[in-house]
Amino acid sequence: ATSARVAWEMPLNAPYIDYFTVKREPHPRVTALSHYTHGIEVQVEHEYRSLKKGKGGEDHAQRGTVEITGLQPGCAYSFVVHSFTEHNGHSAESDASDAIELPIETLEVEREQRVEGGKNK
């Protein structure tokens, strides 16, 4: 198994978000309807930026980053993000990300590393 890093950013000054949930789906889809699974709760990175001089106040940026593990080499995946706020609950899911395809060589490299690790013992 291998992993992929997923990152996103909300539009500036979007309503305050408590956390994000990221889900994945194999690509291409094998059913007519989407079936995103393996939800991972992700903490929100909040950043407050001062507005330009003379404007006063702050802009509020919110983003998230997560390493998705347990992905299979040679398979492709797409991802969606949901946000959660205390006032509105869960949002609709984002548009699906572009699909990423994990290289098959990853599996071969992992096998070689295990073999090499066994030789050094």
PDB file of N, CA and C in Angstrom:
ATOM      1  N   ALA A   1       0.847  -1.192   0.000  1.00  0.00           N
ATOM      2  CA  ALA A   1       0.000   0.000   0.000  1.00  0.00           C
ATOM      3  C   ALA A   1       0.883   1.242   0.000  1.00  0.00           C
ATOM      4  N   THR A   2       0.331   2.338  -0.458  1.00  0.00           N
ATOM      5  CA  THR A   2       1.073   3.589  -0.522  1.00  0.00           C
ATOM      6  C   THR A   2       0.146   4.739  -0.134  1.00  0.00           C
ATOM      7  N   SER A   3       0.602   5.974  -0.329  1.00  0.00           N
ATOM      8  CA  SER A   3      -0.197   7.114   0.131  1.00  0.00           C
ATOM      9  C   SER A   3      -0.167   8.253  -0.881  1.00  0.00           C
ATOM     10  N   ALA A   4      -1.070   9.218  -0.662  1.00  0.00           N
ATOM     11  CA  ALA A   4      -1.144  10.425  -1.487  1.00  0.00           C
ATOM     12  C   ALA A   4      -1.466  11.590  -0.572  1.00  0.00           C
ATOM     13  N   ARG A   5      -0.895  12.744  -0.851  1.00  0.00           N
ATOM     14  CA  ARG A   5      -1.149  13.950  -0.075  1.00  0.00           C
ATOM     15  C   ARG A   5      -2.254  14.750  -0.772  1.00  0.00           C
ATOM     16  N   VAL A   6      -3.283  15.107  -0.019  1.00  0.00           N
ATOM     17  CA  VAL A   6      -4.409  15.870  -0.543  1.00  0.00           C
ATOM     18  C   VAL A   6      -4.446  17.205   0.205  1.00  0.00           C
ATOM     19  N   ALA A   7      -4.527  18.300  -0.540  1.00  0.00           N
ATOM     20  CA  ALA A   7      -4.559  19.637   0.069  1.00  0.00           C
ATOM     21  C   ALA A   7      -5.617  20.482  -0.635  1.00  0.00           C
ATOM     22  N   TRP A   8      -6.232  21.413   0.099  1.00  0.00           N
ATOM     23  CA  TRP A   8      -7.258  22.287  -0.452  1.00  0.00           C
ATOM     24  C   TRP A   8      -7.309  23.564   0.366  1.00  0.00           C
ATOM     25  N   GLU A   9      -7.921  24.595  -0.210  1.00  0.00           N
ATOM     26  CA  GLU A   9      -8.090  25.874   0.479  1.00  0.00           C
ATOM     27  C   GLU A   9      -9.472  26.426   0.155  1.00  0.00           C
ATOM     28  N   MET A  10     -10.128  26.949   1.179  1.00  0.00           N
ATOM     29  CA  MET A  10     -11.448  27.549   1.017  1.00  0.00           C
ATOM     30  C   MET A  10     -11.291  28.973   0.492  1.00  0.00           C
ATOM     31  N   PRO A  11     -12.342  29.522  -0.125  1.00  0.00           N
ATOM     32  CA  PRO A  11     -12.282  30.932  -0.526  1.00  0.00           C
ATOM     33  C   PRO A  11     -12.060  31.812   0.708  1.00  0.00           C
ATOM     34  N   LEU A  12     -11.364  32.920   0.529  1.00  0.00           N
ATOM     35  CA  LEU A  12     -11.109  33.847   1.626  1.00  0.00           C
ATOM     36  C   LEU A  12     -12.408  34.272   2.294  1.00  0.00           C
ATOM     37  N   ASN A  13     -12.385  34.349   3.593  1.00  0.00           N
ATOM     38  CA  ASN A  13     -13.500  34.811   4.419  1.00  0.00           C
ATOM     39  C   ASN A  13     -14.755  33.942   4.304  1.00  0.00           C
ATOM     40  N   ALA A  14     -14.583  32.662   3.969  1.00  0.00           N
ATOM     41  CA  ALA A  14     -15.706  31.714   3.991  1.00  0.00           C
ATOM     42  C   ALA A  14     -16.166  31.570   5.442  1.00  0.00           C
ATOM     43  N   PRO A  15     -17.397  31.142   5.683  1.00  0.00           N
ATOM     44  CA  PRO A  15     -17.845  30.945   7.067  1.00  0.00           C
ATOM     45  C   PRO A  15     -16.877  30.042   7.836  1.00  0.00           C
ATOM     46  N   TYR A  16     -16.770  30.272   9.133  1.00  0.00           N
ATOM     47  CA  TYR A  16     -15.839  29.527   9.985  1.00  0.00           C
ATOM     48  C   TYR A  16     -16.150  28.032   9.910  1.00  0.00           C
ATOM     49  N   ILE A  17     -15.116  27.216   9.663  1.00  0.00           N
ATOM     50  CA  ILE A  17     -15.260  25.766   9.537  1.00  0.00           C
ATOM     51  C   ILE A  17     -14.616  25.104  10.747  1.00  0.00           C
ATOM     52  N   ASP A  18     -15.318  24.121  11.333  1.00  0.00           N
ATOM     53  CA  ASP A  18     -14.801  23.408  12.500  1.00  0.00           C
ATOM     54  C   ASP A  18     -13.852  22.275  12.113  1.00  0.00           C
ATOM     55  N   TYR A  19     -14.200  21.504  11.075  1.00  0.00           N
ATOM     56  CA  TYR A  19     -13.300  20.474  10.558  1.00  0.00           C
ATOM     57  C   TYR A  19     -13.738  20.066   9.159  1.00  0.00           C
ATOM     58  N   PHE A  20     -12.834  19.352   8.469  1.00  0.00           N
ATOM     59  CA  PHE A  20     -13.107  18.819   7.143  1.00  0.00           C
ATOM     60  C   PHE A  20     -13.163  17.294   7.221  1.00  0.00           C
ATOM     61  N   THR A  21     -13.847  16.665   6.286  1.00  0.00           N
ATOM     62  CA  THR A  21     -13.798  15.216   6.102  1.00  0.00           C
ATOM     63  C   THR A  21     -13.411  14.956   4.652  1.00  0.00           C
ATOM     64  N   VAL A  22     -12.403  14.107   4.458  1.00  0.00           N
ATOM     65  CA  VAL A  22     -11.944  13.747   3.113  1.00  0.00           C
ATOM     66  C   VAL A  22     -12.310  12.290   2.869  1.00  0.00           C
ATOM     67  N   LYS A  23     -12.883  12.016   1.687  1.00  0.00           N
ATOM     68  CA  LYS A  23     -13.234  10.644   1.308  1.00  0.00           C
ATOM     69  C   LYS A  23     -12.628  10.329  -0.048  1.00  0.00           C
ATOM     70  N   ARG A  24     -12.488   9.044  -0.329  1.00  0.00           N
ATOM     71  CA  ARG A  24     -11.886   8.606  -1.595  1.00  0.00           C
ATOM     72  C   ARG A  24     -12.794   7.619  -2.316  1.00  0.00           C
ATOM     73  N   GLU A  25     -12.540   7.499  -3.627  1.00  0.00           N
ATOM     74  CA  GLU A  25     -13.264   6.537  -4.455  1.00  0.00           C
ATOM     75  C   GLU A  25     -12.307   6.035  -5.527  1.00  0.00           C
ATOM     76  N   PRO A  26     -12.316   4.725  -5.807  1.00  0.00           N
ATOM     77  CA  PRO A  26     -11.487   4.231  -6.916  1.00  0.00           C
ATOM     78  C   PRO A  26     -11.924   4.885  -8.220  1.00  0.00           C
ATOM     79  N   HIS A  27     -10.980   5.046  -9.126  1.00  0.00           N
ATOM     80  CA  HIS A  27     -11.262   5.655 -10.421  1.00  0.00           C
ATOM     81  C   HIS A  27     -10.752   4.717 -11.512  1.00  0.00           C
ATOM     82  N   PRO A  28     -11.452   4.387 -12.544  1.00  0.00           N
ATOM     83  CA  PRO A  28     -12.785   4.886 -12.841  1.00  0.00           C
ATOM     84  C   PRO A  28     -13.821   4.237 -11.927  1.00  0.00           C
ATOM     85  N   ARG A  29     -14.925   4.932 -11.770  1.00  0.00           N
ATOM     86  CA  ARG A  29     -16.025   4.480 -10.913  1.00  0.00           C
ATOM     87  C   ARG A  29     -16.598   3.176 -11.474  1.00  0.00           C
ATOM     88  N   VAL A  30     -16.936   2.248 -10.591  1.00  0.00           N
ATOM     89  CA  VAL A  30     -17.480   0.959 -11.030  1.00  0.00           C
ATOM     90  C   VAL A  30     -18.999   0.897 -10.872  1.00  0.00           C
ATOM     91  N   THR A  31     -19.596   1.948 -10.337  1.00  0.00           N
ATOM     92  CA  THR A  31     -21.051   2.015 -10.207  1.00  0.00           C
ATOM     93  C   THR A  31     -21.543   3.297 -10.869  1.00  0.00           C
ATOM     94  N   ALA A  32     -22.837   3.380 -11.121  1.00  0.00           N
ATOM     95  CA  ALA A  32     -23.404   4.570 -11.759  1.00  0.00           C
ATOM     96  C   ALA A  32     -23.329   5.785 -10.833  1.00  0.00           C
ATOM     97  N   LEU A  33     -23.491   5.564  -9.538  1.00  0.00           N
ATOM     98  CA  LEU A  33     -23.447   6.662  -8.564  1.00  0.00           C
ATOM     99  C   LEU A  33     -22.113   6.656  -7.833  1.00  0.00           C
ATOM    100  N   SER A  34     -21.703   7.826  -7.392  1.00  0.00           N
ATOM    101  CA  SER A  34     -20.440   7.904  -6.654  1.00  0.00           C
ATOM    102  C   SER A  34     -20.563   7.146  -5.334  1.00  0.00           C
ATOM    103  N   HIS A  35     -19.457   6.621  -4.884  1.00  0.00           N
ATOM    104  CA  HIS A  35     -19.427   5.871  -3.637  1.00  0.00           C
ATOM    105  C   HIS A  35     -18.103   6.171  -2.927  1.00  0.00           C
ATOM    106  N   TYR A  36     -18.018   7.362  -2.349  1.00  0.00           N
ATOM    107  CA  TYR A  36     -16.806   7.773  -1.643  1.00  0.00           C
ATOM    108  C   TYR A  36     -16.827   7.177  -0.249  1.00  0.00           C
ATOM    109  N   THR A  37     -15.694   6.608   0.176  1.00  0.00           N
ATOM    110  CA  THR A  37     -15.609   5.918   1.461  1.00  0.00           C
ATOM    111  C   THR A  37     -14.344   6.315   2.210  1.00  0.00           C
ATOM    112  N   HIS A  38     -14.120   5.669   3.328  1.00  0.00           N
ATOM    113  CA  HIS A  38     -12.917   5.846   4.145  1.00  0.00           C
ATOM    114  C   HIS A  38     -12.743   7.303   4.581  1.00  0.00           C
ATOM    115  N   GLY A  39     -13.790   7.890   5.151  1.00  0.00           N
ATOM    116  CA  GLY A  39     -13.728   9.283   5.590  1.00  0.00           C
ATOM    117  C   GLY A  39     -12.652   9.506   6.641  1.00  0.00           C
ATOM    118  N   ILE A  40     -11.905  10.569   6.472  1.00  0.00           N
ATOM    119  CA  ILE A  40     -10.867  10.955   7.422  1.00  0.00           C
ATOM    120  C   ILE A  40     -11.155  12.379   7.880  1.00  0.00           C
ATOM    121  N   GLU A  41     -11.281  12.576   9.191  1.00  0.00           N
ATOM    122  CA  GLU A  41     -11.514  13.912   9.726  1.00  0.00           C
ATOM    123  C   GLU A  41     -10.181  14.665   9.773  1.00  0.00           C
ATOM    124  N   VAL A  42     -10.199  15.898   9.288  1.00  0.00           N
ATOM    125  CA  VAL A  42      -8.979  16.698   9.171  1.00  0.00           C
ATOM    126  C   VAL A  42      -9.182  18.034   9.884  1.00  0.00           C
ATOM    127  N   GLN A  43      -8.214  18.410  10.706  1.00  0.00           N
ATOM    128  CA  GLN A  43      -8.263  19.700  11.377  1.00  0.00           C
ATOM    129  C   GLN A  43      -8.098  20.831  10.365  1.00  0.00           C
ATOM    130  N   VAL A  44      -8.735  21.948  10.651  1.00  0.00           N
ATOM    131  CA  VAL A  44      -8.659  23.118   9.779  1.00  0.00           C
ATOM    132  C   VAL A  44      -7.456  23.959  10.183  1.00  0.00           C
ATOM    133  N   GLU A  45      -6.693  24.392   9.205  1.00  0.00           N
ATOM    134  CA  GLU A  45      -5.607  25.348   9.439  1.00  0.00           C
ATOM    135  C   GLU A  45      -6.195  26.736   9.199  1.00  0.00           C
ATOM    136  N   HIS A  46      -6.320  27.519  10.261  1.00  0.00           N
ATOM    137  CA  HIS A  46      -6.864  28.876  10.163  1.00  0.00           C
ATOM    138  C   HIS A  46      -5.709  29.863  10.087  1.00  0.00           C
ATOM    139  N   GLU A  47      -5.837  30.833   9.219  1.00  0.00           N
ATOM    140  CA  GLU A  47      -4.819  31.883   9.110  1.00  0.00           C
ATOM    141  C   GLU A  47      -5.529  33.224   8.983  1.00  0.00           C
ATOM    142  N   TYR A  48      -5.131  34.148   9.840  1.00  0.00           N
ATOM    143  CA  TYR A  48      -5.698  35.500   9.795  1.00  0.00           C
ATOM    144  C   TYR A  48      -4.638  36.421   9.231  1.00  0.00           C
ATOM    145  N   ARG A  49      -4.994  37.167   8.183  1.00  0.00           N
ATOM    146  CA  ARG A  49      -4.042  38.063   7.508  1.00  0.00           C
ATOM    147  C   ARG A  49      -4.569  39.481   7.615  1.00  0.00           C
ATOM    148  N   SER A  50      -3.678  40.392   7.972  1.00  0.00           N
ATOM    149  CA  SER A  50      -4.072  41.800   8.021  1.00  0.00           C
ATOM    150  C   SER A  50      -4.401  42.292   6.628  1.00  0.00           C
ATOM    151  N   LEU A  51      -5.437  43.095   6.544  1.00  0.00           N
ATOM    152  CA  LEU A  51      -5.789  43.699   5.265  1.00  0.00           C
ATOM    153  C   LEU A  51      -4.752  44.749   4.912  1.00  0.00           C
ATOM    154  N   LYS A  52      -4.769  45.197   3.681  1.00  0.00           N
ATOM    155  CA  LYS A  52      -3.821  46.221   3.248  1.00  0.00           C
ATOM    156  C   LYS A  52      -3.939  47.462   4.118  1.00  0.00           C
ATOM    157  N   LYS A  53      -2.852  48.214   4.208  1.00  0.00           N
ATOM    158  CA  LYS A  53      -2.833  49.436   5.035  1.00  0.00           C
ATOM    159  C   LYS A  53      -4.023  50.324   4.735  1.00  0.00           C
ATOM    160  N   GLY A  54      -4.586  50.858   5.795  1.00  0.00           N
ATOM    161  CA  GLY A  54      -5.703  51.779   5.654  1.00  0.00           C
ATOM    162  C   GLY A  54      -7.058  51.099   5.588  1.00  0.00           C
ATOM    163  N   LYS A  55      -7.083  49.781   5.371  1.00  0.00           N
ATOM    164  CA  LYS A  55      -8.349  49.055   5.258  1.00  0.00           C
ATOM    165  C   LYS A  55      -8.844  48.569   6.615  1.00  0.00           C
ATOM    166  N   GLY A  56      -7.922  48.276   7.558  1.00  0.00           N
ATOM    167  CA  GLY A  56      -8.306  47.747   8.873  1.00  0.00           C
ATOM    168  C   GLY A  56      -8.866  46.339   8.753  1.00  0.00           C
ATOM    169  N   GLY A  57      -8.907  45.613   9.867  1.00  0.00           N
ATOM    170  CA  GLY A  57      -9.477  44.268   9.894  1.00  0.00           C
ATOM    171  C   GLY A  57      -8.529  43.210   9.376  1.00  0.00           C
ATOM    172  N   GLU A  58      -9.094  41.999   9.202  1.00  0.00           N
ATOM    173  CA  GLU A  58      -8.299  40.848   8.777  1.00  0.00           C
ATOM    174  C   GLU A  58      -9.073  40.006   7.772  1.00  0.00           C
ATOM    175  N   ASP A  59      -8.328  39.330   6.905  1.00  0.00           N
ATOM    176  CA  ASP A  59      -8.889  38.290   6.062  1.00  0.00           C
ATOM    177  C   ASP A  59      -8.697  36.967   6.794  1.00  0.00           C
ATOM    178  N   HIS A  60      -9.595  36.021   6.572  1.00  0.00           N
ATOM    179  CA  HIS A  60      -9.533  34.722   7.227  1.00  0.00           C
ATOM    180  C   HIS A  60      -9.406  33.638   6.164  1.00  0.00           C
ATOM    181  N   ALA A  61      -8.275  32.928   6.169  1.00  0.00           N
ATOM    182  CA  ALA A  61      -8.049  31.825   5.227  1.00  0.00           C
ATOM    183  C   ALA A  61      -8.174  30.504   5.979  1.00  0.00           C
ATOM    184  N   GLN A  62      -8.755  29.501   5.322  1.00  0.00           N
ATOM    185  CA  GLN A  62      -8.906  28.167   5.921  1.00  0.00           C
ATOM    186  C   GLN A  62      -8.479  27.127   4.896  1.00  0.00           C
ATOM    187  N   ARG A  63      -7.667  26.185   5.352  1.00  0.00           N
ATOM    188  CA  ARG A  63      -7.173  25.148   4.440  1.00  0.00           C
ATOM    189  C   ARG A  63      -6.993  23.848   5.215  1.00  0.00           C
ATOM    190  N   GLY A  64      -6.777  22.794   4.470  1.00  0.00           N
ATOM    191  CA  GLY A  64      -6.514  21.493   5.075  1.00  0.00           C
ATOM    192  C   GLY A  64      -5.542  20.703   4.224  1.00  0.00           C
ATOM    193  N   THR A  65      -4.813  19.815   4.884  1.00  0.00           N
ATOM    194  CA  THR A  65      -3.866  18.930   4.220  1.00  0.00           C
ATOM    195  C   THR A  65      -3.905  17.594   4.946  1.00  0.00           C
ATOM    196  N   VAL A  66      -3.905  16.513   4.203  1.00  0.00           N
ATOM    197  CA  VAL A  66      -3.901  15.190   4.831  1.00  0.00           C
ATOM    198  C   VAL A  66      -3.156  14.208   3.935  1.00  0.00           C
ATOM    199  N   GLU A  67      -2.479  13.260   4.565  1.00  0.00           N
ATOM    200  CA  GLU A  67      -1.824  12.163   3.864  1.00  0.00           C
ATOM    201  C   GLU A  67      -2.785  10.974   3.912  1.00  0.00           C
ATOM    202  N   ILE A  68      -3.282  10.552   2.758  1.00  0.00           N
ATOM    203  CA  ILE A  68      -4.205   9.420   2.668  1.00  0.00           C
ATOM    204  C   ILE A  68      -3.369   8.157   2.494  1.00  0.00           C
ATOM    205  N   THR A  69      -3.465   7.242   3.435  1.00  0.00           N
ATOM    206  CA  THR A  69      -2.667   6.009   3.391  1.00  0.00           C
ATOM    207  C   THR A  69      -3.542   4.823   3.007  1.00  0.00           C
ATOM    208  N   GLY A  70      -2.909   3.691   2.780  1.00  0.00           N
ATOM    209  CA  GLY A  70      -3.632   2.467   2.462  1.00  0.00           C
ATOM    210  C   GLY A  70      -4.102   2.380   1.019  1.00  0.00           C
ATOM    211  N   LEU A  71      -3.518   3.183   0.135  1.00  0.00           N
ATOM    212  CA  LEU A  71      -3.887   3.143  -1.282  1.00  0.00           C
ATOM    213  C   LEU A  71      -3.075   2.061  -1.984  1.00  0.00           C
ATOM    214  N   GLN A  72      -3.652   1.457  -2.997  1.00  0.00           N
ATOM    215  CA  GLN A  72      -3.006   0.344  -3.691  1.00  0.00           C
ATOM    216  C   GLN A  72      -2.203   0.823  -4.903  1.00  0.00           C
ATOM    217  N   PRO A  73      -0.944   0.406  -5.020  1.00  0.00           N
ATOM    218  CA  PRO A  73      -0.146   0.748  -6.201  1.00  0.00           C
ATOM    219  C   PRO A  73      -0.831   0.285  -7.478  1.00  0.00           C
ATOM    220  N   GLY A  74      -0.728   1.083  -8.535  1.00  0.00           N
ATOM    221  CA  GLY A  74      -1.317   0.746  -9.811  1.00  0.00           C
ATOM    222  C   GLY A  74      -2.792   1.088  -9.924  1.00  0.00           C
ATOM    223  N   CYS A  75      -3.400   1.584  -8.845  1.00  0.00           N
ATOM    224  CA  CYS A  75      -4.809   1.970  -8.859  1.00  0.00           C
ATOM    225  C   CYS A  75      -4.912   3.493  -8.922  1.00  0.00           C
ATOM    226  N   ALA A  76      -6.068   3.965  -9.379  1.00  0.00           N
ATOM    227  CA  ALA A  76      -6.323   5.405  -9.438  1.00  0.00           C
ATOM    228  C   ALA A  76      -7.432   5.748  -8.441  1.00  0.00           C
ATOM    229  N   TYR A  77      -7.391   6.976  -7.928  1.00  0.00           N
ATOM    230  CA  TYR A  77      -8.363   7.435  -6.942  1.00  0.00           C
ATOM    231  C   TYR A  77      -8.739   8.884  -7.220  1.00  0.00           C
ATOM    232  N   SER A  78      -9.959   9.252  -6.825  1.00  0.00           N
ATOM    233  CA  SER A  78     -10.349  10.660  -6.771  1.00  0.00           C
ATOM    234  C   SER A  78     -10.845  10.921  -5.352  1.00  0.00           C
ATOM    235  N   PHE A  79     -10.881  12.198  -4.957  1.00  0.00           N
ATOM    236  CA  PHE A  79     -11.180  12.575  -3.580  1.00  0.00           C
ATOM    237  C   PHE A  79     -12.221  13.682  -3.542  1.00  0.00           C
ATOM    238  N   VAL A  80     -13.004  13.729  -2.466  1.00  0.00           N
ATOM    239  CA  VAL A  80     -13.935  14.823  -2.200  1.00  0.00           C
ATOM    240  C   VAL A  80     -13.710  15.292  -0.775  1.00  0.00           C
ATOM    241  N   VAL A  81     -14.097  16.548  -0.522  1.00  0.00           N
ATOM    242  CA  VAL A  81     -13.968  17.144   0.808  1.00  0.00           C
ATOM    243  C   VAL A  81     -15.339  17.660   1.236  1.00  0.00           C
ATOM    244  N   HIS A  82     -15.682  17.437   2.499  1.00  0.00           N
ATOM    245  CA  HIS A  82     -16.873  18.006   3.134  1.00  0.00           C
ATOM    246  C   HIS A  82     -16.379  18.905   4.250  1.00  0.00           C
ATOM    247  N   SER A  83     -17.064  19.993   4.496  1.00  0.00           N
ATOM    248  CA  SER A  83     -16.738  20.813   5.666  1.00  0.00           C
ATOM    249  C   SER A  83     -17.854  20.657   6.690  1.00  0.00           C
ATOM    250  N   PHE A  84     -17.548  20.976   7.933  1.00  0.00           N
ATOM    251  CA  PHE A  84     -18.543  20.912   9.000  1.00  0.00           C
ATOM    252  C   PHE A  84     -18.478  22.191   9.807  1.00  0.00           C
ATOM    253  N   THR A  85     -19.637  22.790  10.048  1.00  0.00           N
ATOM    254  CA  THR A  85     -19.736  23.950  10.939  1.00  0.00           C
ATOM    255  C   THR A  85     -20.780  23.655  12.000  1.00  0.00           C
ATOM    256  N   GLU A  86     -20.599  24.204  13.188  1.00  0.00           N
ATOM    257  CA  GLU A  86     -21.562  24.011  14.274  1.00  0.00           C
ATOM    258  C   GLU A  86     -22.944  24.519  13.876  1.00  0.00           C
ATOM    259  N   HIS A  87     -23.002  25.617  13.119  1.00  0.00           N
ATOM    260  CA  HIS A  87     -24.280  26.236  12.765  1.00  0.00           C
ATOM    261  C   HIS A  87     -25.010  25.533  11.628  1.00  0.00           C
ATOM    262  N   ASN A  88     -24.282  25.007  10.648  1.00  0.00           N
ATOM    263  CA  ASN A  88     -24.926  24.446   9.458  1.00  0.00           C
ATOM    264  C   ASN A  88     -24.723  22.948   9.275  1.00  0.00           C
ATOM    265  N   GLY A  89     -23.952  22.308  10.128  1.00  0.00           N
ATOM    266  CA  GLY A  89     -23.694  20.875   9.984  1.00  0.00           C
ATOM    267  C   GLY A  89     -22.754  20.596   8.820  1.00  0.00           C
ATOM    268  N   HIS A  90     -22.969  19.461   8.157  1.00  0.00           N
ATOM    269  CA  HIS A  90     -22.093  19.049   7.055  1.00  0.00           C
ATOM    270  C   HIS A  90     -22.488  19.740   5.756  1.00  0.00           C
ATOM    271  N   SER A  91     -21.486  20.140   4.998  1.00  0.00           N
ATOM    272  CA  SER A  91     -21.734  20.754   3.688  1.00  0.00           C
ATOM    273  C   SER A  91     -21.965  19.662   2.661  1.00  0.00           C
ATOM    274  N   ALA A  92     -22.373  20.075   1.484  1.00  0.00           N
ATOM    275  CA  ALA A  92     -22.381  19.160   0.346  1.00  0.00           C
ATOM    276  C   ALA A  92     -20.923  18.845   0.019  1.00  0.00           C
ATOM    277  N   GLU A  93     -20.689  17.738  -0.634  1.00  0.00           N
ATOM    278  CA  GLU A  93     -19.304  17.410  -0.970  1.00  0.00           C
ATOM    279  C   GLU A  93     -18.792  18.329  -2.069  1.00  0.00           C
ATOM    280  N   SER A  94     -17.497  18.521  -2.068  1.00  0.00           N
ATOM    281  CA  SER A  94     -16.858  19.318  -3.114  1.00  0.00           C
ATOM    282  C   SER A  94     -16.948  18.571  -4.432  1.00  0.00           C
ATOM    283  N   ASP A  95     -16.596  19.248  -5.507  1.00  0.00           N
ATOM    284  CA  ASP A  95     -16.411  18.541  -6.768  1.00  0.00           C
ATOM    285  C   ASP A  95     -15.291  17.534  -6.563  1.00  0.00           C
ATOM    286  N   ALA A  96     -15.344  16.446  -7.266  1.00  0.00           N
ATOM    287  CA  ALA A  96     -14.287  15.440  -7.148  1.00  0.00           C
ATOM    288  C   ALA A  96     -12.969  15.995  -7.686  1.00  0.00           C
ATOM    289  N   SER A  97     -11.892  15.597  -7.047  1.00  0.00           N
ATOM    290  CA  SER A  97     -10.568  15.988  -7.541  1.00  0.00           C
ATOM    291  C   SER A  97     -10.310  15.276  -8.862  1.00  0.00           C
ATOM    292  N   ASP A  98      -9.317  15.747  -9.575  1.00  0.00           N
ATOM    293  CA  ASP A  98      -8.840  14.980 -10.721  1.00  0.00           C
ATOM    294  C   ASP A  98      -8.328  13.649 -10.178  1.00  0.00           C
ATOM    295  N   ALA A  99      -8.452  12.608 -10.953  1.00  0.00           N
ATOM    296  CA  ALA A  99      -7.970  11.298 -10.513  1.00  0.00           C
ATOM    297  C   ALA A  99      -6.447  11.287 -10.484  1.00  0.00           C
ATOM    298  N   ILE A 100      -5.906  10.615  -9.475  1.00  0.00           N
ATOM    299  CA  ILE A 100      -4.459  10.380  -9.432  1.00  0.00           C
ATOM    300  C   ILE A 100      -4.242   8.887  -9.613  1.00  0.00           C
ATOM    301  N   GLU A 101      -3.234   8.519 -10.347  1.00  0.00           N
ATOM    302  CA  GLU A 101      -2.917   7.104 -10.524  1.00  0.00           C
ATOM    303  C   GLU A 101      -1.584   6.827  -9.857  1.00  0.00           C
ATOM    304  N   LEU A 102      -1.580   5.856  -8.966  1.00  0.00           N
ATOM    305  CA  LEU A 102      -0.362   5.504  -8.252  1.00  0.00           C
ATOM    306  C   LEU A 102       0.472   4.575  -9.117  1.00  0.00           C
ATOM    307  N   PRO A 103       1.760   4.812  -9.154  1.00  0.00           N
ATOM    308  CA  PRO A 103       2.614   3.984 -10.017  1.00  0.00           C
ATOM    309  C   PRO A 103       2.687   2.546  -9.516  1.00  0.00           C
ATOM    310  N   ILE A 104       2.775   1.621 -10.446  1.00  0.00           N
ATOM    311  CA  ILE A 104       2.901   0.211 -10.095  1.00  0.00           C
ATOM    312  C   ILE A 104       4.288  -0.073  -9.524  1.00  0.00           C
ATOM    313  N   GLU A 105       5.288   0.718  -9.926  1.00  0.00           N
ATOM    314  CA  GLU A 105       6.658   0.503  -9.450  1.00  0.00           C
ATOM    315  C   GLU A 105       6.749   0.591  -7.936  1.00  0.00           C
ATOM    316  N   THR A 106       5.833   1.321  -7.322  1.00  0.00           N
ATOM    317  CA  THR A 106       5.863   1.476  -5.870  1.00  0.00           C
ATOM    318  C   THR A 106       5.843   0.111  -5.198  1.00  0.00           C
ATOM    319  N   LEU A 107       5.018  -0.789  -5.685  1.00  0.00           N
ATOM    320  CA  LEU A 107       4.920  -2.131  -5.120  1.00  0.00           C
ATOM    321  C   LEU A 107       6.241  -2.870  -5.298  1.00  0.00           C
ATOM    322  N   GLU A 108       6.852  -2.752  -6.465  1.00  0.00           N
ATOM    323  CA  GLU A 108       8.119  -3.423  -6.721  1.00  0.00           C
ATOM    324  C   GLU A 108       9.228  -2.864  -5.825  1.00  0.00           C
ATOM    325  N   VAL A 109       9.258  -1.546  -5.640  1.00  0.00           N
ATOM    326  CA  VAL A 109      10.265  -0.918  -4.775  1.00  0.00           C
ATOM    327  C   VAL A 109      10.083  -1.385  -3.338  1.00  0.00           C
ATOM    328  N   GLU A 110       8.824  -1.447  -2.864  1.00  0.00           N
ATOM    329  CA  GLU A 110       8.571  -1.911  -1.495  1.00  0.00           C
ATOM    330  C   GLU A 110       9.060  -3.348  -1.305  1.00  0.00           C
ATOM    331  N   ARG A 111       8.815  -4.209  -2.292  1.00  0.00           N
ATOM    332  CA  ARG A 111       9.296  -5.597  -2.203  1.00  0.00           C
ATOM    333  C   ARG A 111      10.809  -5.643  -2.136  1.00  0.00           C
ATOM    334  N   GLU A 112      11.480  -4.860  -2.983  1.00  0.00           N
ATOM    335  CA  GLU A 112      12.948  -4.827  -2.981  1.00  0.00           C
ATOM    336  C   GLU A 112      13.482  -4.351  -1.638  1.00  0.00           C
ATOM    337  N   GLN A 113      12.843  -3.347  -1.055  1.00  0.00           N
ATOM    338  CA  GLN A 113      13.292  -2.841   0.239  1.00  0.00           C
ATOM    339  C   GLN A 113      13.140  -3.896   1.327  1.00  0.00           C
ATOM    340  N   ARG A 114      12.051  -4.666   1.281  1.00  0.00           N
ATOM    341  CA  ARG A 114      11.873  -5.736   2.272  1.00  0.00           C
ATOM    342  C   ARG A 114      12.947  -6.800   2.110  1.00  0.00           C
ATOM    343  N   VAL A 115      13.259  -7.158   0.849  1.00  0.00           N
ATOM    344  CA  VAL A 115      14.277  -8.163   0.593  1.00  0.00           C
ATOM    345  C   VAL A 115      15.634  -7.648   1.070  1.00  0.00           C
ATOM    346  N   GLU A 116      15.971  -6.404   0.727  1.00  0.00           N
ATOM    347  CA  GLU A 116      17.244  -5.818   1.151  1.00  0.00           C
ATOM    348  C   GLU A 116      17.318  -5.724   2.667  1.00  0.00           C
ATOM    349  N   GLY A 117      16.218  -5.343   3.308  1.00  0.00           N
ATOM    350  CA  GLY A 117      16.176  -5.262   4.771  1.00  0.00           C
ATOM    351  C   GLY A 117      16.421  -6.616   5.420  1.00  0.00           C
ATOM    352  N   GLY A 118      15.902  -7.679   4.803  1.00  0.00           N
ATOM    353  CA  GLY A 118      16.101  -9.032   5.329  1.00  0.00           C
ATOM    354  C   GLY A 118      17.537  -9.506   5.187  1.00  0.00           C
ATOM    355  N   LYS A 119      18.225  -9.055   4.135  1.00  0.00           N
ATOM    356  CA  LYS A 119      19.616  -9.438   3.906  1.00  0.00           C
ATOM    357  C   LYS A 119      20.553  -8.784   4.921  1.00  0.00           C
ATOM    358  N   ASN A 120      20.182  -7.613   5.415  1.00  0.00           N
ATOM    359  CA  ASN A 120      21.052  -6.873   6.335  1.00  0.00           C
ATOM    360  C   ASN A 120      20.952  -7.368   7.767  1.00  0.00           C
ATOM    361  N   LYS A 121      20.104  -8.315   8.040  1.00  0.00           N
ATOM    362  CA  LYS A 121      19.926  -8.812   9.418  1.00  0.00           C
ATOM    363  C   LYS A 121      20.855  -9.957   9.706  1.00  0.00           C
TER     364      LYS A 121
END
